[in-house]
N, C-alpha and C. Protein backbone atom coordinates (compact mmCIF):
# COMPACT_ATOMS: atom_id res chain seq x y z
N UNK A 1 13.14 -15.90 -17.05
CA UNK A 1 11.89 -15.16 -16.99
C UNK A 1 11.36 -15.17 -15.56
N UNK A 2 10.90 -14.01 -15.09
CA UNK A 2 10.41 -13.87 -13.71
C UNK A 2 9.09 -14.61 -13.53
N UNK A 3 8.95 -15.21 -12.36
CA UNK A 3 7.72 -15.91 -12.03
C UNK A 3 6.58 -14.89 -11.85
N UNK A 4 5.40 -15.25 -12.28
CA UNK A 4 4.23 -14.37 -12.16
C UNK A 4 3.81 -14.30 -10.69
N UNK A 5 3.49 -13.10 -10.22
CA UNK A 5 2.99 -12.93 -8.86
C UNK A 5 1.51 -13.30 -8.85
N UNK A 6 1.16 -14.25 -8.00
CA UNK A 6 -0.22 -14.72 -7.93
C UNK A 6 -1.09 -13.71 -7.19
N UNK A 7 -2.27 -13.45 -7.74
CA UNK A 7 -3.26 -12.57 -7.10
C UNK A 7 -3.71 -13.21 -5.80
N UNK A 8 -3.57 -12.50 -4.67
CA UNK A 8 -3.92 -13.10 -3.38
C UNK A 8 -5.31 -12.72 -2.87
N UNK A 9 -5.89 -11.66 -3.42
CA UNK A 9 -7.17 -11.21 -2.88
C UNK A 9 -8.33 -11.96 -3.51
N UNK A 10 -9.33 -12.32 -2.70
CA UNK A 10 -10.49 -13.05 -3.22
C UNK A 10 -11.40 -12.13 -4.05
N UNK A 11 -12.30 -12.75 -4.77
CA UNK A 11 -13.17 -12.03 -5.69
C UNK A 11 -13.93 -10.85 -5.08
N UNK A 12 -14.50 -10.96 -3.87
CA UNK A 12 -15.22 -9.79 -3.34
C UNK A 12 -14.33 -8.54 -3.21
N UNK A 13 -13.05 -8.74 -2.91
CA UNK A 13 -12.13 -7.60 -2.83
C UNK A 13 -11.76 -7.14 -4.23
N UNK A 14 -11.51 -8.08 -5.14
CA UNK A 14 -11.17 -7.71 -6.53
C UNK A 14 -12.34 -7.00 -7.22
N UNK A 15 -13.55 -7.16 -6.70
CA UNK A 15 -14.72 -6.47 -7.27
C UNK A 15 -14.85 -5.03 -6.76
N UNK A 16 -14.06 -4.64 -5.77
CA UNK A 16 -14.06 -3.25 -5.32
C UNK A 16 -13.46 -2.37 -6.43
N UNK A 17 -13.73 -1.07 -6.40
CA UNK A 17 -13.11 -0.18 -7.39
C UNK A 17 -11.59 -0.19 -7.23
N UNK A 18 -10.89 -0.05 -8.34
CA UNK A 18 -9.43 0.07 -8.27
C UNK A 18 -9.06 1.51 -7.92
N UNK A 19 -8.05 1.65 -7.08
CA UNK A 19 -7.54 2.98 -6.73
C UNK A 19 -6.63 3.48 -7.85
N UNK A 20 -6.69 4.76 -8.12
CA UNK A 20 -5.86 5.39 -9.15
C UNK A 20 -4.53 5.79 -8.52
N UNK A 21 -3.57 4.89 -8.58
CA UNK A 21 -2.23 5.13 -8.03
C UNK A 21 -1.26 5.14 -9.20
N UNK A 22 -0.58 6.26 -9.43
CA UNK A 22 0.26 6.40 -10.63
C UNK A 22 1.61 5.68 -10.55
N UNK A 23 1.55 4.38 -10.33
CA UNK A 23 2.75 3.55 -10.27
C UNK A 23 2.54 2.32 -11.14
N UNK A 24 3.61 1.86 -11.77
CA UNK A 24 3.55 0.64 -12.56
C UNK A 24 3.62 -0.57 -11.63
N UNK A 25 2.93 -1.63 -11.99
CA UNK A 25 3.07 -2.89 -11.28
C UNK A 25 2.38 -2.99 -9.95
N UNK A 26 1.31 -2.22 -9.77
CA UNK A 26 0.56 -2.28 -8.51
C UNK A 26 -0.92 -2.46 -8.81
N UNK A 27 -1.57 -3.28 -8.00
CA UNK A 27 -3.02 -3.42 -8.01
C UNK A 27 -3.48 -2.98 -6.64
N UNK A 28 -4.45 -2.07 -6.60
CA UNK A 28 -4.94 -1.57 -5.32
C UNK A 28 -6.46 -1.44 -5.40
N UNK A 29 -7.13 -2.16 -4.53
CA UNK A 29 -8.59 -2.14 -4.48
C UNK A 29 -9.02 -1.26 -3.31
N UNK A 30 -10.00 -0.39 -3.57
CA UNK A 30 -10.35 0.69 -2.65
C UNK A 30 -11.69 0.46 -1.96
N UNK A 31 -11.66 0.48 -0.63
CA UNK A 31 -12.87 0.48 0.19
C UNK A 31 -13.00 1.89 0.76
N UNK A 32 -14.07 2.56 0.42
CA UNK A 32 -14.24 3.98 0.72
C UNK A 32 -15.28 4.20 1.82
N UNK A 33 -14.97 5.12 2.75
CA UNK A 33 -15.96 5.54 3.74
C UNK A 33 -16.02 7.06 3.73
N UNK A 34 -16.86 7.63 4.59
CA UNK A 34 -16.97 9.09 4.68
C UNK A 34 -15.75 9.72 5.35
N UNK A 35 -14.97 8.93 6.09
CA UNK A 35 -13.87 9.51 6.87
C UNK A 35 -12.50 8.90 6.58
N UNK A 36 -12.45 7.77 5.87
CA UNK A 36 -11.16 7.11 5.62
C UNK A 36 -11.24 6.24 4.38
N UNK A 37 -10.09 5.67 4.01
CA UNK A 37 -10.02 4.70 2.93
C UNK A 37 -9.22 3.50 3.41
N UNK A 38 -9.57 2.33 2.90
CA UNK A 38 -8.79 1.13 3.11
C UNK A 38 -8.43 0.59 1.73
N UNK A 39 -7.13 0.34 1.53
CA UNK A 39 -6.66 -0.22 0.27
C UNK A 39 -6.12 -1.62 0.50
N UNK A 40 -6.45 -2.50 -0.43
CA UNK A 40 -5.91 -3.84 -0.49
C UNK A 40 -4.92 -3.81 -1.64
N UNK A 41 -3.62 -3.79 -1.32
CA UNK A 41 -2.60 -3.55 -2.35
C UNK A 41 -1.70 -4.75 -2.55
N UNK A 42 -1.34 -4.95 -3.83
CA UNK A 42 -0.41 -6.01 -4.19
C UNK A 42 0.53 -5.47 -5.26
N UNK A 43 1.82 -5.72 -5.09
CA UNK A 43 2.84 -5.21 -6.00
C UNK A 43 3.39 -6.33 -6.87
N UNK A 44 3.29 -6.15 -8.18
CA UNK A 44 3.77 -7.14 -9.15
C UNK A 44 5.21 -6.85 -9.58
N UNK A 45 5.73 -5.68 -9.19
CA UNK A 45 7.08 -5.25 -9.52
C UNK A 45 7.67 -4.52 -8.32
N UNK A 46 9.01 -4.41 -8.29
CA UNK A 46 9.65 -3.56 -7.28
C UNK A 46 9.27 -2.11 -7.56
N UNK A 47 9.03 -1.35 -6.50
CA UNK A 47 8.63 0.05 -6.64
C UNK A 47 9.39 0.89 -5.61
N UNK A 48 9.93 2.02 -6.05
CA UNK A 48 10.53 3.00 -5.15
C UNK A 48 9.53 4.14 -4.96
N UNK A 49 9.11 4.37 -3.73
CA UNK A 49 8.19 5.47 -3.42
C UNK A 49 9.01 6.64 -2.89
N UNK A 50 8.97 7.79 -3.58
CA UNK A 50 9.73 8.96 -3.11
C UNK A 50 9.15 9.50 -1.81
N UNK A 51 9.95 10.29 -1.11
CA UNK A 51 9.52 10.87 0.16
C UNK A 51 8.28 11.74 -0.04
N UNK A 52 7.33 11.60 0.87
CA UNK A 52 6.09 12.37 0.83
C UNK A 52 5.46 12.34 2.23
N UNK A 53 4.37 13.05 2.40
CA UNK A 53 3.64 13.07 3.67
C UNK A 53 2.15 13.23 3.39
N UNK A 54 1.33 12.77 4.32
CA UNK A 54 -0.13 12.88 4.22
C UNK A 54 -0.71 12.54 5.59
N UNK A 55 -2.01 12.30 5.65
CA UNK A 55 -2.65 11.93 6.91
C UNK A 55 -2.11 10.60 7.44
N UNK A 56 -2.53 10.22 8.63
CA UNK A 56 -2.05 8.99 9.26
C UNK A 56 -2.34 7.77 8.38
N UNK A 57 -1.41 6.80 8.47
CA UNK A 57 -1.51 5.58 7.67
C UNK A 57 -1.09 4.40 8.54
N UNK A 58 -1.85 3.31 8.47
CA UNK A 58 -1.49 2.07 9.15
C UNK A 58 -1.51 0.95 8.13
N UNK A 59 -0.50 0.10 8.16
CA UNK A 59 -0.41 -1.01 7.21
C UNK A 59 -0.26 -2.34 7.91
N UNK A 60 -0.84 -3.37 7.30
CA UNK A 60 -0.80 -4.73 7.82
C UNK A 60 -0.25 -5.61 6.70
N UNK A 61 0.97 -6.10 6.86
CA UNK A 61 1.67 -6.81 5.79
C UNK A 61 1.16 -8.25 5.68
N UNK A 62 0.69 -8.58 4.48
CA UNK A 62 0.17 -9.92 4.21
C UNK A 62 1.21 -10.83 3.58
N UNK A 63 2.04 -10.27 2.71
CA UNK A 63 3.07 -11.03 2.00
C UNK A 63 4.24 -10.11 1.70
N UNK A 64 5.43 -10.69 1.53
CA UNK A 64 6.56 -9.97 1.00
C UNK A 64 7.28 -9.06 1.96
N UNK A 65 7.92 -8.04 1.37
CA UNK A 65 8.81 -7.14 2.12
C UNK A 65 8.69 -5.71 1.65
N UNK A 66 8.76 -4.79 2.62
CA UNK A 66 8.81 -3.35 2.36
C UNK A 66 9.88 -2.76 3.28
N UNK A 67 10.75 -1.92 2.71
CA UNK A 67 11.71 -1.15 3.49
C UNK A 67 11.12 0.25 3.60
N UNK A 68 10.75 0.65 4.79
CA UNK A 68 10.04 1.91 5.01
C UNK A 68 10.93 2.85 5.82
N UNK A 69 11.07 4.08 5.34
CA UNK A 69 11.83 5.11 6.06
C UNK A 69 10.83 6.15 6.54
N UNK A 70 10.67 6.27 7.85
CA UNK A 70 9.73 7.22 8.45
C UNK A 70 10.54 8.22 9.26
N UNK A 71 10.48 9.49 8.84
CA UNK A 71 11.23 10.56 9.52
C UNK A 71 12.69 10.16 9.71
N UNK A 72 13.28 9.59 8.65
CA UNK A 72 14.71 9.26 8.66
C UNK A 72 15.07 7.92 9.28
N UNK A 73 14.11 7.20 9.87
CA UNK A 73 14.38 5.91 10.49
C UNK A 73 13.92 4.78 9.57
N UNK A 74 14.87 3.93 9.13
CA UNK A 74 14.56 2.83 8.21
C UNK A 74 14.26 1.56 8.97
N UNK A 75 13.18 0.90 8.56
CA UNK A 75 12.79 -0.40 9.12
C UNK A 75 12.29 -1.28 7.99
N UNK A 76 12.48 -2.57 8.15
CA UNK A 76 11.99 -3.55 7.19
C UNK A 76 10.80 -4.28 7.81
N UNK A 77 9.74 -4.42 7.03
CA UNK A 77 8.53 -5.11 7.48
C UNK A 77 8.26 -6.27 6.52
N UNK A 78 7.86 -7.41 7.09
CA UNK A 78 7.55 -8.60 6.30
C UNK A 78 6.23 -9.20 6.80
N UNK A 79 5.83 -10.29 6.18
CA UNK A 79 4.55 -10.94 6.47
C UNK A 79 4.28 -11.03 7.97
N UNK A 80 3.11 -10.55 8.37
CA UNK A 80 2.69 -10.57 9.77
C UNK A 80 3.00 -9.30 10.53
N UNK A 81 3.85 -8.44 9.96
CA UNK A 81 4.18 -7.17 10.62
C UNK A 81 3.10 -6.12 10.36
N UNK A 82 3.14 -5.08 11.18
CA UNK A 82 2.27 -3.92 10.98
C UNK A 82 3.11 -2.67 11.20
N UNK A 83 2.68 -1.58 10.55
CA UNK A 83 3.40 -0.31 10.72
C UNK A 83 2.40 0.82 10.87
N UNK A 84 2.89 1.93 11.42
CA UNK A 84 2.06 3.13 11.56
C UNK A 84 2.90 4.34 11.18
N UNK A 85 2.31 5.20 10.35
CA UNK A 85 2.94 6.46 9.95
C UNK A 85 2.05 7.58 10.47
N UNK A 86 2.54 8.39 11.42
CA UNK A 86 1.72 9.48 11.95
C UNK A 86 1.40 10.53 10.88
N UNK A 87 0.30 11.23 11.05
CA UNK A 87 -0.09 12.30 10.12
C UNK A 87 1.05 13.29 9.98
N UNK A 88 1.37 13.64 8.74
CA UNK A 88 2.38 14.64 8.44
C UNK A 88 3.82 14.14 8.46
N UNK A 89 4.05 12.88 8.85
CA UNK A 89 5.42 12.34 8.91
C UNK A 89 5.95 12.11 7.50
N UNK A 90 7.15 12.60 7.23
CA UNK A 90 7.78 12.36 5.94
C UNK A 90 8.23 10.90 5.89
N UNK A 91 7.93 10.26 4.76
CA UNK A 91 8.29 8.85 4.61
C UNK A 91 8.52 8.49 3.15
N UNK A 92 9.30 7.44 2.95
CA UNK A 92 9.56 6.89 1.62
C UNK A 92 9.66 5.38 1.78
N UNK A 93 9.71 4.65 0.65
CA UNK A 93 9.75 3.20 0.76
C UNK A 93 10.34 2.55 -0.48
N UNK A 94 10.89 1.38 -0.28
CA UNK A 94 11.24 0.45 -1.34
C UNK A 94 10.31 -0.72 -1.12
N UNK A 95 9.44 -0.97 -2.09
CA UNK A 95 8.47 -2.06 -2.00
C UNK A 95 8.92 -3.14 -2.98
N UNK A 96 8.99 -4.36 -2.51
CA UNK A 96 9.51 -5.46 -3.32
C UNK A 96 8.40 -6.27 -3.98
N UNK A 97 8.70 -6.72 -5.17
CA UNK A 97 7.79 -7.55 -5.96
C UNK A 97 7.23 -8.67 -5.08
N UNK A 98 5.90 -8.85 -5.12
CA UNK A 98 5.24 -9.87 -4.32
C UNK A 98 4.68 -9.35 -3.01
N UNK A 99 5.01 -8.09 -2.67
CA UNK A 99 4.49 -7.48 -1.45
C UNK A 99 2.98 -7.28 -1.55
N UNK A 100 2.27 -7.53 -0.45
CA UNK A 100 0.84 -7.26 -0.38
C UNK A 100 0.50 -6.82 1.03
N UNK A 101 -0.45 -5.87 1.12
CA UNK A 101 -0.87 -5.41 2.44
C UNK A 101 -2.29 -4.88 2.41
N UNK A 102 -2.78 -4.61 3.59
CA UNK A 102 -4.03 -3.86 3.78
C UNK A 102 -3.60 -2.57 4.44
N UNK A 103 -3.94 -1.44 3.83
CA UNK A 103 -3.51 -0.14 4.32
C UNK A 103 -4.71 0.74 4.64
N UNK A 104 -4.70 1.31 5.83
CA UNK A 104 -5.72 2.24 6.28
C UNK A 104 -5.16 3.66 6.15
N UNK A 105 -5.90 4.53 5.48
CA UNK A 105 -5.55 5.94 5.38
C UNK A 105 -6.61 6.74 6.14
N UNK A 106 -6.18 7.58 7.07
CA UNK A 106 -7.09 8.42 7.85
C UNK A 106 -7.43 9.68 7.07
N UNK A 107 -7.78 9.48 5.81
CA UNK A 107 -8.20 10.56 4.91
C UNK A 107 -9.31 10.02 4.02
N UNK A 108 -10.33 10.79 3.82
CA UNK A 108 -11.46 10.36 3.00
C UNK A 108 -11.11 10.35 1.52
N UNK A 109 -10.18 11.20 1.10
CA UNK A 109 -9.90 11.33 -0.34
C UNK A 109 -8.41 11.16 -0.65
N UNK A 110 -7.74 10.24 0.01
CA UNK A 110 -6.31 10.03 -0.27
C UNK A 110 -6.10 9.57 -1.71
N UNK A 111 -6.92 8.62 -2.18
CA UNK A 111 -6.81 8.12 -3.55
C UNK A 111 -8.16 8.18 -4.23
N UNK A 112 -8.14 8.49 -5.51
CA UNK A 112 -9.36 8.50 -6.33
C UNK A 112 -9.58 7.11 -6.91
N UNK A 113 -10.78 6.89 -7.42
CA UNK A 113 -11.10 5.64 -8.12
C UNK A 113 -10.53 5.73 -9.53
N UNK A 114 -9.90 4.64 -9.97
CA UNK A 114 -9.35 4.59 -11.33
C UNK A 114 -10.48 4.59 -12.33
N UNK A 115 -10.36 5.42 -13.35
CA UNK A 115 -11.42 5.51 -14.38
C UNK A 115 -11.08 4.68 -15.57
């Protein structure tokens, strides 16, 4: 039986609204502004993200591993790393169970609040 992934975010972050992200095994707490969003994300399962594009995105890896392909270039990021995806860049990812990050989206409405 797989070990349970421990929740890493403290209560004030867990009290933020959850982001409506249509993936299994992810918890994402949303901090909303007039011009951008910040998500505190934690993955309880491995997730494959298909190729897509949107506004600029910056991520700060807190735990675990993500294999990120940006415009055809694959890189692996782990705890302490940071990444940047320019606006409009096509990207995909393999996110591994236990991964957690803080992600900045340079879009006001990238994700809706989960209802």
